[in-house]
Amino acid sequence: MSNLAQHLQDSLHDENIMERAMNEIMRKEYNISNDIEISYTLINTAQQTLSDLDKSIDELSMLVENLRHQSLKLNKD
């Protein structure tokens, strides 16, 4: 094989290695991006769940307070 042909073959081989490396980096960056997006969604869902739970606890507290008040009224009568 001539020197030029060998050089072209080596250059092509190096380009293939670089292309594979870049594809791997892009795939990993894409996966990291997806992980971040999923994590963000999970955090938002958890925050919404906590907010809903807080509202439910407040409503339950009001119901319990009303029941106590009604119980006191019934006991007085």
C-alpha atoms as a PDB file:
ATOM      1  CA  MET A   1       0.000   0.000   0.000  1.00  0.00           C
ATOM      2  CA  SER A   2       1.350   3.401  -0.860  1.00  0.00           C
ATOM      3  CA  ASN A   3       2.142   5.928   1.818  1.00  0.00           C
ATOM      4  CA  LEU A   4      -0.749   8.116   0.672  1.00  0.00           C
ATOM      5  CA  ALA A   5      -3.216   5.220   0.802  1.00  0.00           C
ATOM      6  CA  GLN A   6      -1.925   4.230   4.255  1.00  0.00           C
ATOM      7  CA  HIS A   7      -2.191   7.808   5.458  1.00  0.00           C
ATOM      8  CA  LEU A   8      -5.766   8.083   4.122  1.00  0.00           C
ATOM      9  CA  GLN A   9      -6.730   4.808   5.758  1.00  0.00           C
ATOM     10  CA  ASP A  10      -5.211   5.902   9.087  1.00  0.00           C
ATOM     11  CA  SER A  11      -6.949   9.263   8.813  1.00  0.00           C
ATOM     12  CA  LEU A  12     -10.287   7.574   8.101  1.00  0.00           C
ATOM     13  CA  HIS A  13      -9.757   5.242  11.055  1.00  0.00           C
ATOM     14  CA  ASP A  14      -8.994   8.229  13.318  1.00  0.00           C
ATOM     15  CA  GLU A  15     -12.113  10.027  12.082  1.00  0.00           C
ATOM     16  CA  ASN A  16     -14.231   6.942  12.831  1.00  0.00           C
ATOM     17  CA  ILE A  17     -12.836   6.800  16.348  1.00  0.00           C
ATOM     18  CA  MET A  18     -13.555  10.512  16.844  1.00  0.00           C
ATOM     19  CA  GLU A  19     -17.064  10.113  15.440  1.00  0.00           C
ATOM     20  CA  ARG A  20     -17.777   7.217  17.787  1.00  0.00           C
ATOM     21  CA  ALA A  21     -16.387   9.196  20.716  1.00  0.00           C
ATOM     22  CA  MET A  22     -18.542  12.208  19.850  1.00  0.00           C
ATOM     23  CA  ASN A  23     -21.617  10.006  19.468  1.00  0.00           C
ATOM     24  CA  GLU A  24     -20.944   8.491  22.889  1.00  0.00           C
ATOM     25  CA  ILE A  25     -20.521  11.937  24.449  1.00  0.00           C
ATOM     26  CA  MET A  26     -23.739  13.162  22.837  1.00  0.00           C
ATOM     27  CA  ARG A  27     -25.593  10.056  24.022  1.00  0.00           C
ATOM     28  CA  LYS A  28     -24.350  10.575  27.586  1.00  0.00           C
ATOM     29  CA  GLU A  29     -25.246  14.274  27.499  1.00  0.00           C
ATOM     30  CA  TYR A  30     -28.701  13.362  26.191  1.00  0.00           C
ATOM     31  CA  ASN A  31     -29.128  10.826  29.005  1.00  0.00           C
ATOM     32  CA  ILE A  32     -27.987  13.380  31.589  1.00  0.00           C
ATOM     33  CA  SER A  33     -30.427  15.902  30.127  1.00  0.00           C
ATOM     34  CA  ASN A  34     -33.247  13.355  30.369  1.00  0.00           C
ATOM     35  CA  ASP A  35     -32.253  12.518  33.962  1.00  0.00           C
ATOM     36  CA  ILE A  36     -32.337  16.211  34.877  1.00  0.00           C
ATOM     37  CA  GLU A  37     -35.747  16.636  33.236  1.00  0.00           C
ATOM     38  CA  ILE A  38     -37.123  13.587  35.053  1.00  0.00           C
ATOM     39  CA  SER A  39     -35.646  14.779  38.359  1.00  0.00           C
ATOM     40  CA  TYR A  40     -37.201  18.212  37.856  1.00  0.00           C
ATOM     41  CA  THR A  41     -40.582  16.619  37.146  1.00  0.00           C
ATOM     42  CA  LEU A  42     -40.299  14.410  40.239  1.00  0.00           C
ATOM     43  CA  ILE A  43     -39.398  17.414  42.400  1.00  0.00           C
ATOM     44  CA  ASN A  44     -42.386  19.358  41.066  1.00  0.00           C
ATOM     45  CA  THR A  45     -44.661  16.384  41.680  1.00  0.00           C
ATOM     46  CA  ALA A  46     -43.323  15.994  45.226  1.00  0.00           C
ATOM     47  CA  GLN A  47     -43.834  19.712  45.906  1.00  0.00           C
ATOM     48  CA  GLN A  48     -47.397  19.527  44.601  1.00  0.00           C
ATOM     49  CA  THR A  49     -48.057  16.423  46.705  1.00  0.00           C
ATOM     50  CA  LEU A  50     -46.749  18.185  49.820  1.00  0.00           C
ATOM     51  CA  SER A  51     -48.866  21.229  49.048  1.00  0.00           C
ATOM     52  CA  ASP A  52     -51.954  19.040  48.589  1.00  0.00           C
ATOM     53  CA  LEU A  53     -51.147  17.179  51.807  1.00  0.00           C
ATOM     54  CA  ASP A  54     -50.750  20.470  53.685  1.00  0.00           C
ATOM     55  CA  LYS A  55     -54.155  21.630  52.425  1.00  0.00           C
ATOM     56  CA  SER A  56     -55.721  18.312  53.424  1.00  0.00           C
ATOM     57  CA  ILE A  57     -54.219  18.538  56.909  1.00  0.00           C
ATOM     58  CA  ASP A  58     -55.581  22.086  57.281  1.00  0.00           C
ATOM     59  CA  GLU A  59     -59.031  20.934  56.179  1.00  0.00           C
ATOM     60  CA  LEU A  60     -58.880  17.955  58.534  1.00  0.00           C
ATOM     61  CA  SER A  61     -57.832  20.235  61.401  1.00  0.00           C
ATOM     62  CA  MET A  62     -60.830  22.479  60.745  1.00  0.00           C
ATOM     63  CA  LEU A  63     -63.140  19.454  60.677  1.00  0.00           C
ATOM     64  CA  VAL A  64     -61.718  18.169  63.962  1.00  0.00           C
ATOM     65  CA  GLU A  65     -62.097  21.623  65.519  1.00  0.00           C
ATOM     66  CA  ASN A  66     -65.712  21.789  64.326  1.00  0.00           C
ATOM     67  CA  LEU A  67     -66.378  18.333  65.750  1.00  0.00           C
ATOM     68  CA  ARG A  68     -64.938  19.418  69.116  1.00  0.00           C
ATOM     69  CA  HIS A  69     -67.077  22.504  69.051  1.00  0.00           C
ATOM     70  CA  GLN A  70     -70.187  20.457  68.218  1.00  0.00           C
ATOM     71  CA  SER A  71     -69.308  17.955  70.935  1.00  0.00           C
ATOM     72  CA  LEU A  72     -69.004  20.736  73.523  1.00  0.00           C
ATOM     73  CA  LYS A  73     -72.370  22.129  72.442  1.00  0.00           C
ATOM     74  CA  LEU A  74     -74.005  18.696  72.738  1.00  0.00           C
ATOM     75  CA  ASN A  75     -72.482  18.098  76.165  1.00  0.00           C
ATOM     76  CA  LYS A  76     -73.796  21.454  77.424  1.00  0.00           C
ATOM     77  CA  ASP A  77     -77.303  20.645  76.259  1.00  0.00           C
END
